[in-house]
Amino acid sequence: MRGSHLGRACAALAVALLGCGCGSASEGHSSAGSTSTTSKGHVASLASIIEATQRERTVRFSGTSVLPPDSTGRRLTIDLWGATDLRTNRTEFESSSPGQPGHEDTIFDEGSRVYSRYLLTDPGPHTGTGAPWCWLPAKHSPGPGITGQNTLASLSGSNRRIQYIDQEVVRGVVTTQYRVTGGGKPPLDIWTDAQDRLRRLRWTHGGDQQTDTTDFFNFDAPVTITIPTNAPPCRP
């Protein structure tokens, strides 16, 4: 890809989010269409969580990805923040890592293209602001917690099971934590609000070497995602 596209840190994020683990069934779990029997009070089903989240037109998110240790044992941390328009299946976000000279802008046009550009935080007089937009075919999923479509897909499927864990306050909202396993997909921890909407998602994968956590908020807030015009294909 052109220049630093997707940027070293962001390229690592893009690759890492394509990882996949396999969950296993366990006692006391329920199928996607039924509720768990291991907790008190209201307990959501995977079907109700998917339905409640799909009803929202837009959602904003903020997340952190802790990558596997490098050759020196250091773990790279990548922060990202953005928004998804569930009506158009488009997602845009910025991502950055401590010590990096800039941040990556990314737009996923689901089923079509991935647009990217790297912007310098403090460009010098002769460096410009960074590379312009370029695009790649949207061949791969960015993983749960980024696009709305893929996040919901991670919860669906046969033999996917949900287990009540606890209650916790997420961004000032009382939520219920569950663990989702089975179905040949990565195990996930999810937190839902009183309307069964997703408020947090966390998954550990890559041999338990990487952890990605995403918070969801500002449902139905105005979101406009504009696809770059005249962007060329990204160069290797």
Protein backbone atom coordinates (compact mmCIF):
# COMPACT_ATOMS: atom_id res chain seq x y z
CA MET A 1 0.00 0.00 0.00
CA ARG A 2 1.08 3.58 -0.58
CA GLY A 3 3.58 5.10 1.85
CA SER A 4 2.80 3.92 5.36
CA HIS A 5 -0.67 2.59 4.46
CA LEU A 6 -2.18 1.17 6.55
CA GLY A 7 0.62 2.42 8.80
CA ARG A 8 2.66 -0.07 10.82
CA ALA A 9 0.41 0.02 13.84
CA CYS A 10 -2.80 0.01 11.81
CA ALA A 11 -1.60 -2.72 9.50
CA ALA A 12 -0.95 -4.82 12.56
CA LEU A 13 -4.47 -4.06 13.75
CA ALA A 14 -6.03 -4.96 10.41
CA VAL A 15 -4.20 -8.29 10.30
CA ALA A 16 -4.84 -9.11 13.93
CA LEU A 17 -8.56 -8.46 13.71
CA LEU A 18 -8.83 -11.15 11.05
CA GLY A 19 -7.78 -13.79 13.58
CA CYS A 20 -10.27 -16.45 14.59
CA GLY A 21 -10.53 -18.79 17.53
CA CYS A 22 -12.92 -21.60 18.30
CA GLY A 23 -15.28 -21.44 21.26
CA SER A 24 -16.41 -24.53 23.08
CA ALA A 25 -19.75 -25.50 24.51
CA SER A 26 -20.15 -25.73 28.26
CA GLU A 27 -22.77 -26.60 30.86
CA GLY A 28 -25.45 -24.05 31.70
CA HIS A 29 -25.30 -22.23 28.37
CA SER A 30 -28.19 -21.64 26.02
CA SER A 31 -28.69 -21.63 22.28
CA ALA A 32 -28.98 -18.40 20.27
CA GLY A 33 -32.77 -18.40 20.42
CA SER A 34 -33.21 -19.04 24.14
CA THR A 35 -32.12 -17.44 27.39
CA SER A 36 -29.54 -18.53 29.92
CA THR A 37 -30.72 -20.15 33.14
CA THR A 38 -27.69 -19.26 35.25
CA SER A 39 -28.65 -15.78 36.46
CA LYS A 40 -31.30 -13.86 38.33
CA GLY A 41 -33.79 -11.45 36.81
CA HIS A 42 -33.94 -10.53 33.14
CA VAL A 43 -31.44 -12.34 30.94
CA ALA A 44 -31.16 -11.63 27.22
CA SER A 45 -30.89 -14.16 24.43
CA LEU A 46 -28.50 -13.78 21.54
CA ALA A 47 -31.50 -13.38 19.26
CA SER A 48 -32.85 -10.46 21.32
CA ILE A 49 -29.40 -8.80 21.46
CA ILE A 50 -28.99 -9.04 17.69
CA GLU A 51 -32.53 -7.74 17.10
CA ALA A 52 -32.17 -4.83 19.55
CA THR A 53 -28.87 -3.70 18.06
CA GLN A 54 -30.13 -4.03 14.48
CA ARG A 55 -32.99 -1.66 15.28
CA GLU A 56 -30.51 1.17 15.76
CA ARG A 57 -29.65 3.19 12.68
CA THR A 58 -26.23 4.38 13.83
CA VAL A 59 -23.79 3.80 16.65
CA ARG A 60 -20.50 5.33 17.73
CA PHE A 61 -17.68 3.28 19.20
CA SER A 62 -14.31 3.51 20.90
CA GLY A 63 -11.88 0.67 21.39
CA THR A 64 -8.44 -0.55 22.32
CA SER A 65 -6.46 -3.42 20.84
CA VAL A 66 -3.51 -4.90 22.74
CA LEU A 67 -1.38 -6.85 20.24
CA PRO A 68 0.88 -9.85 20.92
CA PRO A 69 4.37 -9.03 22.25
CA ASP A 70 7.05 -8.27 19.68
CA SER A 71 10.60 -9.63 19.67
CA THR A 72 11.48 -7.37 22.61
CA GLY A 73 8.44 -8.43 24.62
CA ARG A 74 6.69 -5.09 24.15
CA ARG A 75 2.96 -5.09 23.48
CA LEU A 76 1.70 -2.52 21.00
CA THR A 77 -1.53 -0.79 21.98
CA ILE A 78 -3.81 0.66 19.31
CA ASP A 79 -6.68 3.01 20.12
CA LEU A 80 -9.55 3.54 17.73
CA TRP A 81 -12.75 5.55 17.62
CA GLY A 82 -15.44 5.96 14.99
CA ALA A 83 -19.03 5.36 13.91
CA THR A 84 -21.13 2.85 11.98
CA ASP A 85 -24.16 3.57 9.82
CA LEU A 86 -26.17 0.34 10.04
CA ARG A 87 -28.48 1.48 7.22
CA THR A 88 -25.70 1.71 4.63
CA ASN A 89 -23.29 -0.81 6.21
CA ARG A 90 -20.55 1.80 6.23
CA THR A 91 -18.06 2.34 9.05
CA GLU A 92 -15.40 5.00 9.53
CA PHE A 93 -12.78 5.19 12.26
CA GLU A 94 -9.45 6.67 13.24
CA SER A 95 -6.73 4.58 14.85
CA SER A 96 -3.44 5.49 16.46
CA SER A 97 -0.75 4.06 18.67
CA PRO A 98 1.44 5.75 21.33
CA GLY A 99 4.70 6.94 19.82
CA GLN A 100 3.43 6.93 16.23
CA PRO A 101 3.78 10.19 14.23
CA GLY A 102 0.15 10.26 13.09
CA HIS A 103 -3.11 8.39 12.82
CA GLU A 104 -4.87 6.22 10.27
CA ASP A 105 -8.27 7.08 8.79
CA THR A 106 -10.24 4.09 7.53
CA ILE A 107 -13.64 3.72 5.85
CA PHE A 108 -15.23 0.30 5.34
CA ASP A 109 -17.83 0.24 2.60
CA GLU A 110 -19.18 -3.22 3.43
CA GLY A 111 -18.91 -5.66 0.55
CA SER A 112 -17.14 -3.13 -1.66
CA ARG A 113 -13.94 -1.31 -0.67
CA VAL A 114 -11.76 -0.29 2.25
CA TYR A 115 -10.46 3.27 2.02
CA SER A 116 -7.41 4.38 3.97
CA ARG A 117 -5.07 7.32 4.50
CA TYR A 118 -2.34 8.10 7.02
CA LEU A 119 -2.18 11.63 8.45
CA LEU A 120 0.78 13.08 10.30
CA THR A 121 -0.05 14.69 13.64
CA ASP A 122 2.57 17.44 13.32
CA PRO A 123 3.79 17.57 9.72
CA GLY A 124 6.98 19.41 8.98
CA PRO A 125 7.30 22.14 6.35
CA HIS A 126 8.53 19.70 3.70
CA THR A 127 6.56 16.55 4.56
CA GLY A 128 2.97 17.54 3.85
CA THR A 129 0.12 16.11 5.88
CA GLY A 130 0.39 12.50 4.78
CA ALA A 131 -0.79 10.29 1.95
CA PRO A 132 -4.17 10.88 0.25
CA TRP A 133 -6.98 8.34 0.27
CA CYS A 134 -6.51 5.04 -1.54
CA TRP A 135 -8.59 1.85 -1.56
CA LEU A 136 -8.38 -1.92 -1.36
CA PRO A 137 -11.03 -4.55 -2.13
CA ALA A 138 -13.09 -5.40 0.95
CA LYS A 139 -12.12 -9.07 0.87
CA HIS A 140 -11.80 -9.62 4.59
CA SER A 141 -13.82 -8.86 7.68
CA PRO A 142 -12.28 -6.38 10.16
CA GLY A 143 -13.47 -8.55 13.05
CA PRO A 144 -16.05 -8.11 15.80
CA GLY A 145 -16.34 -4.64 17.30
CA ILE A 146 -15.60 -2.64 14.15
CA THR A 147 -18.34 -2.87 11.54
CA GLY A 148 -21.89 -3.40 12.75
CA GLN A 149 -22.53 -6.19 10.28
CA ASN A 150 -19.53 -8.23 11.40
CA THR A 151 -20.16 -7.58 15.08
CA LEU A 152 -23.69 -8.96 14.82
CA ALA A 153 -22.50 -11.87 12.68
CA SER A 154 -20.10 -12.85 15.46
CA LEU A 155 -23.11 -13.46 17.74
CA SER A 156 -25.21 -15.44 15.28
CA GLY A 157 -25.05 -18.99 14.01
CA SER A 158 -25.97 -22.46 15.11
CA ASN A 159 -24.62 -23.75 18.43
CA ARG A 160 -23.70 -20.25 19.58
CA ARG A 161 -24.28 -20.15 23.35
CA ILE A 162 -24.69 -17.39 25.93
CA GLN A 163 -23.90 -17.49 29.66
CA TYR A 164 -24.66 -14.85 32.27
CA ILE A 165 -21.54 -13.52 34.05
CA ASP A 166 -22.30 -10.40 36.10
CA GLN A 167 -23.57 -6.83 36.09
CA GLU A 168 -21.28 -3.86 35.50
CA VAL A 169 -21.48 -0.13 34.79
CA VAL A 170 -20.12 0.75 31.32
CA ARG A 171 -19.79 4.45 30.51
CA GLY A 172 -22.34 5.29 33.18
CA VAL A 173 -24.86 2.67 31.97
CA VAL A 174 -25.80 -0.40 34.04
CA THR A 175 -25.12 -3.43 31.86
CA THR A 176 -25.26 -7.21 32.03
CA GLN A 177 -22.16 -9.16 31.09
CA TYR A 178 -22.38 -12.44 29.17
CA ARG A 179 -19.93 -14.88 27.65
CA VAL A 180 -20.68 -16.16 24.14
CA THR A 181 -19.05 -19.40 22.99
CA GLY A 182 -19.43 -22.24 20.51
CA GLY A 183 -20.35 -22.45 16.86
CA GLY A 184 -16.74 -22.49 15.67
CA LYS A 185 -16.35 -18.76 16.33
CA PRO A 186 -14.16 -16.82 18.75
CA PRO A 187 -15.46 -16.70 22.35
CA LEU A 188 -16.67 -13.21 23.22
CA ASP A 189 -17.52 -11.29 26.37
CA ILE A 190 -20.39 -8.86 25.75
CA TRP A 191 -22.17 -6.27 27.87
CA THR A 192 -25.77 -5.24 27.11
CA ASP A 193 -28.06 -2.51 28.45
CA ALA A 194 -31.67 -2.72 29.62
CA GLN A 195 -32.83 -2.64 25.96
CA ASP A 196 -30.49 -5.60 25.15
CA ARG A 197 -28.29 -3.39 22.96
CA LEU A 198 -24.56 -4.05 22.84
CA ARG A 199 -22.57 -1.68 25.03
CA ARG A 200 -19.21 -3.44 25.13
CA LEU A 201 -17.55 -6.34 23.34
CA ARG A 202 -14.25 -8.00 24.23
CA TRP A 203 -12.51 -10.92 22.58
CA THR A 204 -9.16 -12.57 23.17
CA HIS A 205 -7.63 -14.47 20.28
CA GLY A 206 -4.36 -15.43 18.62
CA GLY A 207 -3.61 -18.03 21.25
CA ASP A 208 -4.79 -15.66 23.99
CA GLN A 209 -2.09 -13.21 22.87
CA GLN A 210 -4.34 -10.35 21.71
CA THR A 211 -7.28 -8.65 23.38
CA ASP A 212 -9.67 -6.25 21.61
CA THR A 213 -12.24 -4.23 23.57
CA THR A 214 -14.88 -1.96 22.00
CA ASP A 215 -17.50 0.26 23.68
CA PHE A 216 -20.70 1.26 21.85
CA PHE A 217 -22.64 4.45 22.62
CA ASN A 218 -24.61 7.38 21.14
CA PHE A 219 -27.10 5.17 19.34
CA ASP A 220 -28.99 6.91 16.52
CA ALA A 221 -26.82 10.04 16.72
CA PRO A 222 -26.39 11.73 13.32
CA VAL A 223 -23.63 10.05 11.30
CA THR A 224 -22.52 10.96 7.78
CA ILE A 225 -19.93 8.74 6.15
CA THR A 226 -18.71 10.08 2.81
CA ILE A 227 -16.89 7.77 0.43
CA PRO A 228 -13.75 9.46 -1.03
CA THR A 229 -14.06 10.32 -4.69
CA ASN A 230 -11.34 9.67 -7.29
CA ALA A 231 -9.25 7.67 -4.82
CA PRO A 232 -6.73 5.38 -6.59
CA PRO A 233 -6.01 1.76 -5.63
CA CYS A 234 -3.48 1.44 -2.82
CA ARG A 235 0.00 0.47 -4.01
CA PRO A 236 1.92 -2.39 -2.33
